[in-house]
Amino acid sequence: MNRIIVANFWENKELKEMIADKQDFCFCTYAGGSTYRTFAKNLINDIQKYAPGISIIIFTDKPDDFTTFSHALVYKHERKGVLHYHERRFAIAKALSMFKSCMYIDADVRICAPFVRREWLPGITARSCCDMKKHFQKRMDNSNPNLTQVIRKYNFVKLLAQKIGVDLEQEEVKWIYEFLFVVTQDSGKELEFLEYWDKLALYCELKGLNKHPAYAMGLAATKAGLKVRHDVMDGIDFMDDRIEKIRISTGESQVDTKKTLMQAQYQIEYAKKSLFQEVKTKIITKIEYIYYYFRLAIKTVIQDYSFYYDSEVF
């Protein structure tokens, strides 16, 4: 099994001094690619402003982009999968090697008000989660134009569950929205969670489910016996553009409340490019995808052929 090694150690004397006060909690995120590195810089500034004294761990492909952020703990990370979505597990593993609890927060999320410190219960505390079967049932009921795709994904997730010995029909499995959640040490169960997530992540990427780590996370937590609980997290006022749009449409939020932050996010994500830049980006993205896919295919054949290839694919 490809294990994510999580041990208590310090990288250097400077790092040891930075967290010598033995903080129990930190933030962490993964920022791969120029767009998300830019997002992460805003997030770091938000944390310095609204959560001073709390460390943030950044895993990124280009640490040199963060040399001016002395209050962030920045680590170079070379992508292990095909796309970036599951890579967040490495930032979490690092955070748990240094702190009792860590809040994973997507790099494109903004913090908007002073953060309220609190104690976190062992396991996973998620801002948004629900029963996995109910999640799929709701999608089947409400997305009939894409019903075939939803059923296909559900069958794939059932196969994922079988791969690690989880009965999706009988066991309580949570779907965990991966943009904001806390992981707290729980007698080693959190390490098992990371190990199962690691195997499922690679399997998902081989089979084309490169996005939405929510499925692999929920299954891994169930297999590891790691408790997953929902919490609205009143202590953190955040802005996620996807959620904010829903809040505005339902009247839960006023359009102008976080308009400036949403505009800033939009300008970063949809920055204007020349035709040459757009074509170049598409070509590079395609080449990278092919490279990382075949690298992963070779790795998994050698690592554990029976797990990754000896099964029916729905």
Protein backbone atom coordinates (compact mmCIF):
# COMPACT_ATOMS: atom_id res chain seq x y z
CA MET A 1 0.00 0.00 0.00
CA ASN A 2 1.20 3.48 -0.84
CA ARG A 3 1.28 4.98 2.65
CA ILE A 4 1.28 8.68 3.46
CA ILE A 5 3.78 8.86 6.29
CA VAL A 6 2.63 11.22 9.04
CA ALA A 7 5.09 11.66 11.88
CA ASN A 8 5.85 14.34 14.45
CA PHE A 9 8.97 16.12 13.30
CA TRP A 10 10.32 19.60 12.59
CA GLU A 11 11.85 20.52 9.26
CA ASN A 12 14.30 23.00 10.71
CA LYS A 13 15.14 25.16 13.70
CA GLU A 14 13.27 28.19 12.32
CA LEU A 15 10.05 26.22 11.90
CA LYS A 16 10.36 24.81 15.40
CA GLU A 17 10.66 28.32 16.81
CA MET A 18 7.66 29.53 14.81
CA ILE A 19 5.33 27.04 16.47
CA ALA A 20 7.13 26.71 19.78
CA ASP A 21 3.96 27.80 21.55
CA LYS A 22 2.54 24.37 20.67
CA GLN A 23 -0.51 25.51 18.82
CA ASP A 24 -3.14 22.82 18.49
CA PHE A 25 -4.66 24.12 15.26
CA CYS A 26 -3.68 25.40 11.83
CA PHE A 27 -5.14 26.16 8.42
CA CYS A 28 -3.89 24.38 5.32
CA THR A 29 -4.51 24.50 1.58
CA TYR A 30 -3.18 23.26 -1.73
CA ALA A 31 -2.37 25.74 -4.50
CA GLY A 32 -1.40 24.17 -7.81
CA GLY A 33 -1.17 26.33 -10.92
CA SER A 34 -0.82 30.09 -11.28
CA THR A 35 -4.50 30.89 -10.72
CA TYR A 36 -4.70 29.05 -7.42
CA ARG A 37 -1.37 30.40 -6.26
CA THR A 38 -2.82 33.88 -6.71
CA PHE A 39 -5.96 32.85 -4.83
CA ALA A 40 -3.81 31.46 -2.02
CA LYS A 41 -2.00 34.76 -1.55
CA ASN A 42 -5.33 36.45 -0.79
CA LEU A 43 -6.22 33.67 1.63
CA ILE A 44 -2.88 34.03 3.44
CA ASN A 45 -3.49 37.75 3.85
CA ASP A 46 -7.01 37.08 5.15
CA ILE A 47 -5.63 34.71 7.78
CA GLN A 48 -2.95 37.15 8.85
CA LYS A 49 -5.64 39.82 9.22
CA TYR A 50 -8.48 37.84 10.77
CA ALA A 51 -6.68 34.93 12.47
CA PRO A 52 -3.31 36.36 13.55
CA GLY A 53 -1.02 33.88 15.23
CA ILE A 54 -2.59 30.85 13.55
CA SER A 55 -0.31 29.10 11.08
CA ILE A 56 -1.27 28.26 7.52
CA ILE A 57 0.41 25.45 5.61
CA ILE A 58 0.63 25.82 1.84
CA PHE A 59 1.43 22.94 -0.49
CA THR A 60 2.27 24.28 -3.93
CA ASP A 61 4.11 23.54 -7.15
CA LYS A 62 6.03 26.84 -6.94
CA PRO A 63 7.03 27.84 -3.39
CA ASP A 64 9.06 30.76 -4.73
CA ASP A 65 5.79 32.58 -5.41
CA PHE A 66 5.31 32.86 -1.64
CA THR A 67 8.70 34.10 -0.49
CA THR A 68 7.24 37.37 0.82
CA PHE A 69 4.77 35.57 3.12
CA SER A 70 7.04 34.84 6.07
CA HIS A 71 4.11 33.89 8.30
CA ALA A 72 3.06 30.99 6.01
CA LEU A 73 4.63 27.52 6.10
CA VAL A 74 5.16 26.77 2.42
CA TYR A 75 6.15 23.36 1.01
CA LYS A 76 6.94 22.29 -2.52
CA HIS A 77 4.67 19.56 -3.81
CA GLU A 78 4.98 17.67 -7.08
CA ARG A 79 1.63 16.44 -8.32
CA LYS A 80 1.10 12.72 -7.78
CA GLY A 81 -2.20 12.35 -9.63
CA VAL A 82 -3.52 13.45 -13.01
CA LEU A 83 -5.27 16.65 -11.94
CA HIS A 84 -4.98 18.74 -8.77
CA TYR A 85 -8.20 17.99 -6.88
CA HIS A 86 -7.07 15.07 -4.71
CA GLU A 87 -3.66 16.60 -3.96
CA ARG A 88 -5.07 18.37 -0.91
CA ARG A 89 -4.59 15.15 1.05
CA PHE A 90 -0.84 15.81 1.23
CA ALA A 91 -1.33 19.25 2.77
CA ILE A 92 -3.63 17.69 5.36
CA ALA A 93 -1.13 14.93 6.11
CA LYS A 94 1.60 17.49 6.68
CA ALA A 95 -0.64 19.62 8.88
CA LEU A 96 -1.57 16.64 11.07
CA SER A 97 2.10 15.80 11.51
CA MET A 98 2.51 19.17 13.22
CA PHE A 99 -0.85 20.06 14.77
CA LYS A 100 -3.69 18.30 16.54
CA SER A 101 -6.31 19.78 14.19
CA CYS A 102 -6.21 21.40 10.78
CA MET A 103 -8.82 23.22 8.77
CA TYR A 104 -8.52 22.52 5.08
CA ILE A 105 -9.84 25.51 3.14
CA ASP A 106 -9.82 25.82 -0.64
CA ALA A 107 -7.34 28.41 -1.87
CA ASP A 108 -10.11 30.37 -3.61
CA VAL A 109 -12.14 30.83 -0.42
CA ARG A 110 -11.88 34.17 1.40
CA ILE A 111 -12.16 34.82 5.15
CA CYS A 112 -14.20 37.95 5.83
CA ALA A 113 -14.20 38.55 9.61
CA PRO A 114 -12.23 37.68 12.76
CA PHE A 115 -11.89 33.93 13.20
CA VAL A 116 -13.23 32.51 16.48
CA ARG A 117 -10.95 29.87 17.97
CA ARG A 118 -12.58 26.73 19.34
CA GLU A 119 -11.94 23.10 20.20
CA TRP A 120 -12.59 20.50 17.52
CA LEU A 121 -13.85 16.99 18.24
CA PRO A 122 -11.83 14.00 16.99
CA GLY A 123 -12.55 13.06 13.40
CA ILE A 124 -13.83 15.20 10.54
CA THR A 125 -15.97 18.29 11.05
CA ALA A 126 -17.44 19.45 7.74
CA ARG A 127 -19.09 22.71 6.82
CA SER A 128 -21.22 20.76 4.36
CA CYS A 129 -21.88 17.03 4.30
CA CYS A 130 -24.75 14.57 3.98
CA ASP A 131 -25.56 10.89 3.65
CA MET A 132 -23.95 9.56 0.46
CA LYS A 133 -27.03 7.62 -0.67
CA LYS A 134 -29.29 10.63 -0.08
CA HIS A 135 -26.86 12.79 -2.04
CA PHE A 136 -27.17 10.52 -5.06
CA GLN A 137 -30.92 10.07 -4.68
CA LYS A 138 -31.39 13.83 -4.69
CA ARG A 139 -29.30 14.13 -7.84
CA MET A 140 -31.24 11.36 -9.51
CA ASP A 141 -34.51 13.09 -8.65
CA ASN A 142 -33.42 16.57 -9.73
CA SER A 143 -31.08 16.07 -12.67
CA ASN A 144 -33.08 13.93 -15.06
CA PRO A 145 -31.42 15.40 -18.19
CA ASN A 146 -28.17 13.91 -16.85
CA LEU A 147 -29.73 10.91 -15.13
CA THR A 148 -27.61 8.38 -17.02
CA GLN A 149 -24.42 10.13 -15.91
CA VAL A 150 -25.58 10.29 -12.29
CA ILE A 151 -26.42 6.57 -12.25
CA ARG A 152 -23.08 5.78 -13.85
CA LYS A 153 -21.25 7.76 -11.17
CA TYR A 154 -23.24 6.07 -8.41
CA ASN A 155 -22.29 2.66 -9.77
CA PHE A 156 -18.67 3.77 -9.88
CA VAL A 157 -18.80 4.93 -6.26
CA LYS A 158 -20.31 1.55 -5.28
CA LEU A 159 -17.33 -0.07 -6.99
CA LEU A 160 -14.99 2.22 -5.04
CA ALA A 161 -16.68 1.12 -1.83
CA GLN A 162 -16.26 -2.54 -2.74
CA LYS A 163 -12.58 -1.94 -3.38
CA ILE A 164 -11.98 -1.18 0.29
CA GLY A 165 -14.65 -3.42 1.77
CA VAL A 166 -17.34 -0.82 2.48
CA ASP A 167 -21.01 -1.67 1.90
CA LEU A 168 -22.46 1.54 0.51
CA GLU A 169 -26.00 0.21 0.84
CA GLN A 170 -25.70 -0.85 4.48
CA GLU A 171 -23.09 1.41 6.09
CA GLU A 172 -23.45 5.09 6.91
CA VAL A 173 -21.17 6.85 4.44
CA LYS A 174 -20.92 10.63 4.27
CA TRP A 175 -20.50 12.78 1.19
CA ILE A 176 -18.13 15.55 2.33
CA TYR A 177 -18.01 18.83 0.42
CA GLU A 178 -14.27 19.26 0.24
CA PHE A 179 -13.95 23.05 0.20
CA LEU A 180 -13.96 23.57 4.01
CA PHE A 181 -13.54 20.93 6.71
CA VAL A 182 -11.49 20.18 9.81
CA VAL A 183 -9.57 16.98 10.53
CA THR A 184 -8.61 16.28 14.15
CA GLN A 185 -6.38 13.49 15.36
CA ASP A 186 -8.24 10.44 16.63
CA SER A 187 -5.93 7.69 17.89
CA GLY A 188 -4.45 7.07 14.46
CA LYS A 189 -7.75 6.76 12.62
CA GLU A 190 -6.90 9.96 10.77
CA LEU A 191 -3.79 8.25 9.36
CA GLU A 192 -5.85 5.31 8.13
CA PHE A 193 -8.26 7.79 6.57
CA LEU A 194 -5.39 9.37 4.63
CA GLU A 195 -4.08 5.99 3.51
CA TYR A 196 -7.45 4.82 2.16
CA TRP A 197 -8.03 8.19 0.53
CA ASP A 198 -4.65 7.85 -1.14
CA LYS A 199 -5.55 4.52 -2.76
CA LEU A 200 -9.02 5.66 -3.76
CA ALA A 201 -7.69 8.93 -5.16
CA LEU A 202 -5.34 7.15 -7.55
CA TYR A 203 -8.08 4.73 -8.59
CA CYS A 204 -10.47 7.62 -9.27
CA GLU A 205 -7.90 9.44 -11.37
CA LEU A 206 -7.13 6.34 -13.42
CA LYS A 207 -10.82 5.89 -14.19
CA GLY A 208 -11.51 9.53 -15.02
CA LEU A 209 -13.12 10.79 -11.81
CA ASN A 210 -10.39 13.40 -11.42
CA LYS A 211 -12.60 15.93 -9.63
CA HIS A 212 -14.87 15.74 -6.59
CA PRO A 213 -12.72 14.08 -3.88
CA ALA A 214 -15.86 14.17 -1.70
CA TYR A 215 -16.65 10.58 -2.67
CA ALA A 216 -13.24 9.11 -1.89
CA MET A 217 -13.04 11.10 1.36
CA GLY A 218 -16.37 9.82 2.64
CA LEU A 219 -15.56 6.20 1.84
CA ALA A 220 -12.07 6.47 3.35
CA ALA A 221 -13.46 7.97 6.58
CA THR A 222 -16.02 5.15 6.88
CA LYS A 223 -13.39 2.46 6.33
CA ALA A 224 -11.05 4.06 8.88
CA GLY A 225 -13.85 4.46 11.45
CA LEU A 226 -13.26 8.21 11.50
CA LYS A 227 -16.36 10.08 12.66
CA VAL A 228 -17.79 12.67 10.24
CA ARG A 229 -20.06 15.36 11.66
CA HIS A 230 -21.73 18.42 10.21
CA ASP A 231 -21.09 21.87 11.69
CA VAL A 232 -22.18 25.24 10.28
CA MET A 233 -18.95 26.71 11.69
CA ASP A 234 -20.36 29.99 12.92
CA GLY A 235 -16.86 31.01 14.01
CA ILE A 236 -15.67 31.51 10.45
CA ASP A 237 -17.23 34.07 8.11
CA PHE A 238 -16.12 33.01 4.65
CA MET A 239 -16.84 33.73 1.02
CA ASP A 240 -16.98 30.90 -1.48
CA ASP A 241 -18.28 32.22 -4.79
CA ARG A 242 -20.31 29.08 -5.56
CA ILE A 243 -22.04 29.11 -2.19
CA GLU A 244 -22.45 32.88 -2.21
CA LYS A 245 -24.34 32.73 -5.51
CA ILE A 246 -26.75 30.22 -3.96
CA ARG A 247 -27.16 32.40 -0.87
CA ILE A 248 -27.98 35.40 -3.04
CA SER A 249 -30.52 33.43 -5.10
CA THR A 250 -32.30 32.24 -1.95
CA GLY A 251 -32.23 35.63 -0.24
CA GLU A 252 -29.84 34.49 2.50
CA SER A 253 -27.24 37.04 1.42
CA GLN A 254 -27.44 40.50 -0.11
CA VAL A 255 -25.82 41.04 -3.47
CA ASP A 256 -23.57 43.85 -2.22
CA THR A 257 -22.41 42.12 0.98
CA LYS A 258 -19.40 40.38 -0.56
CA LYS A 259 -19.58 41.84 -4.04
CA THR A 260 -16.03 43.23 -3.96
CA LEU A 261 -14.55 39.86 -2.99
CA MET A 262 -16.54 38.05 -5.66
CA GLN A 263 -15.36 40.53 -8.28
CA ALA A 264 -11.76 40.01 -7.20
CA GLN A 265 -12.18 36.23 -7.49
CA TYR A 266 -13.70 36.59 -10.95
CA GLN A 267 -10.86 38.80 -12.18
CA ILE A 268 -8.30 36.23 -11.07
CA GLU A 269 -10.10 33.17 -12.40
CA TYR A 270 -11.11 34.73 -15.71
CA ALA A 271 -8.16 37.01 -16.34
CA LYS A 272 -8.00 38.10 -19.97
CA LYS A 273 -5.51 36.27 -22.16
CA SER A 274 -4.40 36.76 -25.71
CA LEU A 275 -5.42 34.16 -28.28
CA PHE A 276 -1.84 32.90 -28.31
CA GLN A 277 -1.87 32.47 -24.51
CA GLU A 278 -5.20 30.63 -24.59
CA VAL A 279 -4.01 28.22 -27.31
CA LYS A 280 -0.70 27.70 -25.51
CA THR A 281 -2.49 26.98 -22.22
CA LYS A 282 -4.80 24.43 -23.85
CA ILE A 283 -1.88 22.62 -25.51
CA ILE A 284 0.18 22.53 -22.32
CA THR A 285 -2.83 21.35 -20.30
CA LYS A 286 -3.45 18.52 -22.77
CA ILE A 287 0.19 17.44 -22.79
CA GLU A 288 0.33 17.54 -18.99
CA TYR A 289 -2.81 15.44 -18.73
CA ILE A 290 -1.38 12.74 -21.01
CA TYR A 291 1.95 12.77 -19.19
CA TYR A 292 0.50 12.55 -15.70
CA TYR A 293 -2.04 9.91 -16.71
CA PHE A 294 0.50 7.53 -18.20
CA ARG A 295 2.93 8.15 -15.34
CA LEU A 296 0.17 7.20 -12.89
CA ALA A 297 -0.83 4.18 -14.99
CA ILE A 298 2.71 2.82 -14.92
CA LYS A 299 3.06 3.51 -11.19
CA THR A 300 -0.16 1.72 -10.26
CA VAL A 301 0.59 -1.31 -12.46
CA ILE A 302 3.80 -1.81 -10.51
CA GLN A 303 2.37 -0.85 -7.14
CA ASP A 304 -0.81 -2.93 -6.93
CA TYR A 305 -2.15 -4.31 -10.20
CA SER A 306 -4.98 -6.31 -8.65
CA PHE A 307 -6.42 -3.30 -6.82
CA TYR A 308 -6.22 -0.80 -9.65
CA TYR A 309 -6.94 -2.97 -12.70
CA ASP A 310 -8.44 -6.34 -11.82
CA SER A 311 -12.10 -5.26 -11.68
CA GLU A 312 -15.10 -4.38 -13.77
CA VAL A 313 -15.49 -0.69 -14.59
CA PHE A 314 -19.07 0.50 -14.85
